[in-house]
Amino acid sequence: MSGKKFDADYPLLEAMYADDYYPIECVDKVAERIGAVIAYLEQGGHSKREIQAKLDEMTIGINELEEDFEENDSEIETVARDCIGTTVEYVLRYFDIDIDIEEAIRERDW
């Protein structure tokens, strides 16, 4: 696990970027939070508990973006929720992290 680099060809949040309902700048902020987890996982050597804490931090950070979405006549709703979940699940599988997606994003408000 240590030193493994994330698949640069994987399109993070593809469905959100493809849908005009989601402002690009807001989707970019979600991607940044997921990117922070990816960078963390690339370092390797973290316990499952440490990884979950980082995922909680990411999820709370995404929760805090809800107002940004609302100010742009958008929201984190079904498509976004599924897209974020799918992206995070892909990241966890890529790094062979055995954390269920529901547990991984347990702090979500969306």
N, C-alpha and C. Protein backbone atom coordinates (compact mmCIF):
# COMPACT_ATOMS: atom_id res chain seq x y z
N MET A 1 0.83 -1.20 0.00
CA MET A 1 0.00 0.00 0.00
C MET A 1 0.87 1.26 0.00
N SER A 2 1.98 1.22 0.63
CA SER A 2 2.85 2.39 0.73
C SER A 2 3.41 2.78 -0.63
N GLY A 3 3.29 4.04 -0.95
CA GLY A 3 3.88 4.55 -2.17
C GLY A 3 3.04 4.35 -3.42
N LYS A 4 1.90 3.72 -3.32
CA LYS A 4 1.04 3.50 -4.48
C LYS A 4 0.43 4.82 -4.90
N LYS A 5 0.52 5.13 -6.17
CA LYS A 5 -0.04 6.39 -6.69
C LYS A 5 -1.42 6.12 -7.27
N PHE A 6 -2.31 7.07 -7.09
CA PHE A 6 -3.68 6.93 -7.56
C PHE A 6 -3.73 6.97 -9.08
N ASP A 7 -4.70 6.31 -9.64
CA ASP A 7 -4.94 6.24 -11.07
C ASP A 7 -5.29 7.63 -11.61
N ALA A 8 -4.33 8.28 -12.23
CA ALA A 8 -4.52 9.65 -12.73
C ALA A 8 -5.56 9.72 -13.84
N ASP A 9 -5.89 8.60 -14.44
CA ASP A 9 -6.88 8.58 -15.52
C ASP A 9 -8.31 8.44 -15.01
N TYR A 10 -8.48 8.17 -13.71
CA TYR A 10 -9.84 8.01 -13.18
C TYR A 10 -10.48 9.39 -13.02
N PRO A 11 -11.64 9.59 -13.65
CA PRO A 11 -12.31 10.90 -13.58
C PRO A 11 -13.10 11.06 -12.27
N LEU A 12 -12.55 11.78 -11.33
CA LEU A 12 -13.25 12.04 -10.08
C LEU A 12 -14.55 12.79 -10.36
N LEU A 13 -15.63 12.35 -9.73
CA LEU A 13 -16.92 13.04 -9.78
C LEU A 13 -17.42 13.28 -11.21
N GLU A 14 -17.20 12.31 -12.06
CA GLU A 14 -17.52 12.46 -13.48
C GLU A 14 -18.96 12.90 -13.73
N ALA A 15 -19.92 12.27 -13.07
CA ALA A 15 -21.33 12.60 -13.29
C ALA A 15 -21.66 14.03 -12.86
N MET A 16 -21.02 14.50 -11.82
CA MET A 16 -21.27 15.88 -11.36
C MET A 16 -20.66 16.88 -12.33
N TYR A 17 -19.45 16.60 -12.81
CA TYR A 17 -18.82 17.51 -13.77
C TYR A 17 -19.59 17.55 -15.08
N ALA A 18 -20.26 16.45 -15.43
CA ALA A 18 -20.98 16.37 -16.70
C ALA A 18 -22.35 17.03 -16.65
N ASP A 19 -22.82 17.35 -15.46
CA ASP A 19 -24.17 17.89 -15.28
C ASP A 19 -24.11 19.38 -14.94
N ASP A 20 -24.71 20.20 -15.79
CA ASP A 20 -24.70 21.65 -15.59
C ASP A 20 -25.39 22.10 -14.31
N TYR A 21 -26.16 21.23 -13.69
CA TYR A 21 -26.84 21.57 -12.43
C TYR A 21 -25.83 21.88 -11.32
N TYR A 22 -24.66 21.27 -11.42
CA TYR A 22 -23.63 21.45 -10.40
C TYR A 22 -22.59 22.44 -10.87
N PRO A 23 -22.45 23.57 -10.18
CA PRO A 23 -21.43 24.56 -10.56
C PRO A 23 -20.02 23.95 -10.46
N ILE A 24 -19.25 24.16 -11.50
CA ILE A 24 -17.90 23.59 -11.57
C ILE A 24 -17.08 23.95 -10.32
N GLU A 25 -17.17 25.20 -9.88
CA GLU A 25 -16.37 25.60 -8.72
C GLU A 25 -16.76 24.84 -7.46
N CYS A 26 -18.03 24.48 -7.35
CA CYS A 26 -18.47 23.69 -6.19
C CYS A 26 -17.99 22.25 -6.31
N VAL A 27 -18.10 21.68 -7.49
CA VAL A 27 -17.62 20.32 -7.72
C VAL A 27 -16.11 20.25 -7.49
N ASP A 28 -15.41 21.29 -7.92
CA ASP A 28 -13.96 21.35 -7.68
C ASP A 28 -13.64 21.28 -6.18
N LYS A 29 -14.45 21.93 -5.37
CA LYS A 29 -14.22 21.92 -3.92
C LYS A 29 -14.45 20.52 -3.35
N VAL A 30 -15.46 19.81 -3.85
CA VAL A 30 -15.68 18.42 -3.42
C VAL A 30 -14.48 17.58 -3.84
N ALA A 31 -14.04 17.76 -5.08
CA ALA A 31 -12.89 17.01 -5.60
C ALA A 31 -11.63 17.28 -4.77
N GLU A 32 -11.45 18.51 -4.32
CA GLU A 32 -10.29 18.84 -3.49
C GLU A 32 -10.31 18.04 -2.19
N ARG A 33 -11.48 17.91 -1.60
CA ARG A 33 -11.58 17.18 -0.33
C ARG A 33 -11.30 15.69 -0.54
N ILE A 34 -11.80 15.15 -1.65
CA ILE A 34 -11.50 13.76 -1.97
C ILE A 34 -10.01 13.62 -2.31
N GLY A 35 -9.48 14.60 -3.01
CA GLY A 35 -8.06 14.60 -3.37
C GLY A 35 -7.15 14.59 -2.15
N ALA A 36 -7.58 15.25 -1.08
CA ALA A 36 -6.79 15.25 0.16
C ALA A 36 -6.71 13.83 0.74
N VAL A 37 -7.82 13.09 0.64
CA VAL A 37 -7.81 11.70 1.11
C VAL A 37 -6.91 10.85 0.22
N ILE A 38 -6.98 11.07 -1.08
CA ILE A 38 -6.13 10.33 -2.01
C ILE A 38 -4.66 10.57 -1.69
N ALA A 39 -4.28 11.83 -1.49
CA ALA A 39 -2.89 12.15 -1.16
C ALA A 39 -2.48 11.46 0.15
N TYR A 40 -3.37 11.43 1.10
CA TYR A 40 -3.12 10.77 2.38
C TYR A 40 -2.88 9.28 2.17
N LEU A 41 -3.75 8.65 1.37
CA LEU A 41 -3.62 7.22 1.12
C LEU A 41 -2.37 6.88 0.32
N GLU A 42 -1.96 7.78 -0.54
CA GLU A 42 -0.73 7.56 -1.32
C GLU A 42 0.49 7.47 -0.42
N GLN A 43 0.44 8.13 0.72
CA GLN A 43 1.56 8.06 1.67
C GLN A 43 1.71 6.66 2.25
N GLY A 44 0.57 5.98 2.40
CA GLY A 44 0.58 4.62 2.93
C GLY A 44 0.89 4.55 4.41
N GLY A 45 0.76 3.35 4.96
CA GLY A 45 1.13 3.11 6.35
C GLY A 45 0.15 3.58 7.40
N HIS A 46 -1.09 3.87 7.01
CA HIS A 46 -2.08 4.35 7.98
C HIS A 46 -2.97 3.21 8.46
N SER A 47 -3.38 3.30 9.70
CA SER A 47 -4.30 2.30 10.24
C SER A 47 -5.71 2.57 9.70
N LYS A 48 -6.55 1.57 9.81
CA LYS A 48 -7.95 1.71 9.38
C LYS A 48 -8.63 2.84 10.14
N ARG A 49 -8.33 2.95 11.42
CA ARG A 49 -8.91 4.02 12.26
C ARG A 49 -8.45 5.40 11.77
N GLU A 50 -7.18 5.52 11.43
CA GLU A 50 -6.66 6.80 10.92
C GLU A 50 -7.29 7.15 9.57
N ILE A 51 -7.46 6.14 8.74
CA ILE A 51 -8.08 6.38 7.43
C ILE A 51 -9.53 6.81 7.62
N GLN A 52 -10.25 6.16 8.52
CA GLN A 52 -11.64 6.54 8.76
C GLN A 52 -11.72 7.98 9.29
N ALA A 53 -10.80 8.37 10.13
CA ALA A 53 -10.78 9.75 10.64
C ALA A 53 -10.59 10.73 9.49
N LYS A 54 -9.73 10.38 8.55
CA LYS A 54 -9.50 11.24 7.37
C LYS A 54 -10.76 11.28 6.50
N LEU A 55 -11.44 10.15 6.35
CA LEU A 55 -12.70 10.12 5.59
C LEU A 55 -13.78 10.95 6.28
N ASP A 56 -13.82 10.90 7.61
CA ASP A 56 -14.78 11.72 8.36
C ASP A 56 -14.50 13.20 8.13
N GLU A 57 -13.23 13.56 8.16
CA GLU A 57 -12.83 14.95 7.91
C GLU A 57 -13.26 15.38 6.50
N MET A 58 -13.04 14.52 5.52
CA MET A 58 -13.45 14.80 4.14
C MET A 58 -14.97 14.99 4.06
N THR A 59 -15.71 14.09 4.67
CA THR A 59 -17.17 14.13 4.59
C THR A 59 -17.73 15.37 5.26
N ILE A 60 -17.20 15.72 6.40
CA ILE A 60 -17.63 16.95 7.09
C ILE A 60 -17.30 18.16 6.23
N GLY A 61 -16.15 18.14 5.58
CA GLY A 61 -15.78 19.22 4.66
C GLY A 61 -16.76 19.33 3.50
N ILE A 62 -17.22 18.20 2.99
CA ILE A 62 -18.21 18.22 1.91
C ILE A 62 -19.55 18.74 2.45
N ASN A 63 -19.92 18.32 3.65
CA ASN A 63 -21.15 18.83 4.28
C ASN A 63 -21.13 20.36 4.31
N GLU A 64 -19.99 20.92 4.63
CA GLU A 64 -19.86 22.38 4.76
C GLU A 64 -20.01 23.10 3.42
N LEU A 65 -19.98 22.37 2.32
CA LEU A 65 -20.13 22.98 0.99
C LEU A 65 -21.58 23.15 0.58
N GLU A 66 -22.50 22.61 1.35
CA GLU A 66 -23.92 22.67 0.97
C GLU A 66 -24.37 24.10 0.71
N GLU A 67 -23.93 25.03 1.54
CA GLU A 67 -24.31 26.43 1.35
C GLU A 67 -23.78 26.98 0.02
N ASP A 68 -22.55 26.61 -0.33
CA ASP A 68 -21.99 27.03 -1.62
C ASP A 68 -22.87 26.54 -2.77
N PHE A 69 -23.29 25.28 -2.68
CA PHE A 69 -24.17 24.74 -3.73
C PHE A 69 -25.48 25.52 -3.77
N GLU A 70 -26.08 25.75 -2.60
CA GLU A 70 -27.37 26.46 -2.54
C GLU A 70 -27.26 27.87 -3.09
N GLU A 71 -26.16 28.56 -2.82
CA GLU A 71 -25.97 29.91 -3.34
C GLU A 71 -25.88 29.93 -4.86
N ASN A 72 -25.61 28.76 -5.45
CA ASN A 72 -25.52 28.62 -6.90
C ASN A 72 -26.70 27.84 -7.46
N ASP A 73 -27.84 27.89 -6.74
CA ASP A 73 -29.07 27.22 -7.16
C ASP A 73 -28.86 25.74 -7.45
N SER A 74 -28.12 25.10 -6.58
CA SER A 74 -27.84 23.68 -6.71
C SER A 74 -27.88 23.07 -5.32
N GLU A 75 -27.69 21.77 -5.24
CA GLU A 75 -27.61 21.11 -3.94
C GLU A 75 -26.95 19.75 -4.11
N ILE A 76 -26.51 19.21 -3.00
CA ILE A 76 -25.97 17.85 -3.00
C ILE A 76 -27.16 16.93 -2.80
N GLU A 77 -27.70 16.43 -3.91
CA GLU A 77 -28.88 15.57 -3.86
C GLU A 77 -28.55 14.19 -4.39
N THR A 78 -29.54 13.46 -4.86
CA THR A 78 -29.37 12.05 -5.20
C THR A 78 -28.22 11.78 -6.16
N VAL A 79 -28.18 12.47 -7.28
CA VAL A 79 -27.11 12.22 -8.27
C VAL A 79 -25.75 12.53 -7.65
N ALA A 80 -25.66 13.66 -6.97
CA ALA A 80 -24.39 14.04 -6.34
C ALA A 80 -23.99 13.04 -5.26
N ARG A 81 -24.94 12.66 -4.45
CA ARG A 81 -24.68 11.69 -3.36
C ARG A 81 -24.15 10.38 -3.94
N ASP A 82 -24.80 9.90 -5.00
CA ASP A 82 -24.35 8.66 -5.64
C ASP A 82 -22.97 8.84 -6.27
N CYS A 83 -22.75 9.96 -6.90
CA CYS A 83 -21.48 10.24 -7.56
C CYS A 83 -20.34 10.31 -6.54
N ILE A 84 -20.56 11.02 -5.45
CA ILE A 84 -19.54 11.12 -4.41
C ILE A 84 -19.27 9.74 -3.81
N GLY A 85 -20.34 9.01 -3.51
CA GLY A 85 -20.18 7.67 -2.95
C GLY A 85 -19.41 6.74 -3.87
N THR A 86 -19.76 6.76 -5.16
CA THR A 86 -19.08 5.92 -6.14
C THR A 86 -17.60 6.28 -6.24
N THR A 87 -17.30 7.58 -6.23
CA THR A 87 -15.92 8.03 -6.32
C THR A 87 -15.12 7.59 -5.09
N VAL A 88 -15.68 7.80 -3.91
CA VAL A 88 -14.98 7.41 -2.69
C VAL A 88 -14.80 5.89 -2.64
N GLU A 89 -15.82 5.17 -3.05
CA GLU A 89 -15.73 3.71 -3.06
C GLU A 89 -14.61 3.24 -4.00
N TYR A 90 -14.51 3.88 -5.17
CA TYR A 90 -13.44 3.54 -6.11
C TYR A 90 -12.07 3.79 -5.47
N VAL A 91 -11.92 4.92 -4.81
CA VAL A 91 -10.65 5.26 -4.16
C VAL A 91 -10.29 4.20 -3.12
N LEU A 92 -11.26 3.82 -2.30
CA LEU A 92 -11.00 2.82 -1.26
C LEU A 92 -10.59 1.47 -1.87
N ARG A 93 -11.29 1.07 -2.90
CA ARG A 93 -10.94 -0.20 -3.56
C ARG A 93 -9.57 -0.12 -4.22
N TYR A 94 -9.28 1.01 -4.84
CA TYR A 94 -8.00 1.19 -5.51
C TYR A 94 -6.84 0.97 -4.55
N PHE A 95 -7.01 1.49 -3.34
CA PHE A 95 -5.95 1.37 -2.34
C PHE A 95 -6.13 0.15 -1.43
N ASP A 96 -7.06 -0.74 -1.79
CA ASP A 96 -7.31 -1.96 -1.02
C ASP A 96 -7.65 -1.67 0.43
N ILE A 97 -8.48 -0.66 0.64
CA ILE A 97 -8.93 -0.29 1.98
C ILE A 97 -10.27 -0.98 2.23
N ASP A 98 -10.32 -1.79 3.26
CA ASP A 98 -11.52 -2.55 3.57
C ASP A 98 -12.42 -1.77 4.54
N ILE A 99 -13.05 -0.72 4.00
CA ILE A 99 -14.02 0.06 4.75
C ILE A 99 -15.26 0.16 3.87
N ASP A 100 -16.40 -0.25 4.41
CA ASP A 100 -17.66 -0.18 3.68
C ASP A 100 -17.97 1.28 3.35
N ILE A 101 -18.53 1.52 2.17
CA ILE A 101 -18.79 2.90 1.74
C ILE A 101 -19.74 3.62 2.69
N GLU A 102 -20.71 2.94 3.24
CA GLU A 102 -21.63 3.60 4.19
C GLU A 102 -20.89 4.04 5.45
N GLU A 103 -19.95 3.25 5.88
CA GLU A 103 -19.13 3.61 7.03
C GLU A 103 -18.16 4.74 6.65
N ALA A 104 -17.60 4.64 5.46
CA ALA A 104 -16.62 5.62 5.01
C ALA A 104 -17.18 7.03 5.00
N ILE A 105 -18.44 7.18 4.59
CA ILE A 105 -19.06 8.52 4.50
C ILE A 105 -20.16 8.68 5.55
N ARG A 106 -19.97 8.06 6.68
CA ARG A 106 -20.96 8.05 7.75
C ARG A 106 -21.33 9.42 8.31
N GLU A 107 -20.46 10.39 8.15
CA GLU A 107 -20.70 11.73 8.70
C GLU A 107 -21.50 12.63 7.75
N ARG A 108 -21.96 12.09 6.63
CA ARG A 108 -22.62 12.92 5.62
C ARG A 108 -23.97 13.45 6.09
N ASP A 109 -24.29 14.65 5.62
CA ASP A 109 -25.60 15.26 5.84
C ASP A 109 -26.43 15.19 4.56
N TRP A 110 -25.83 14.73 3.50
CA TRP A 110 -26.48 14.73 2.20
C TRP A 110 -26.99 13.36 1.85
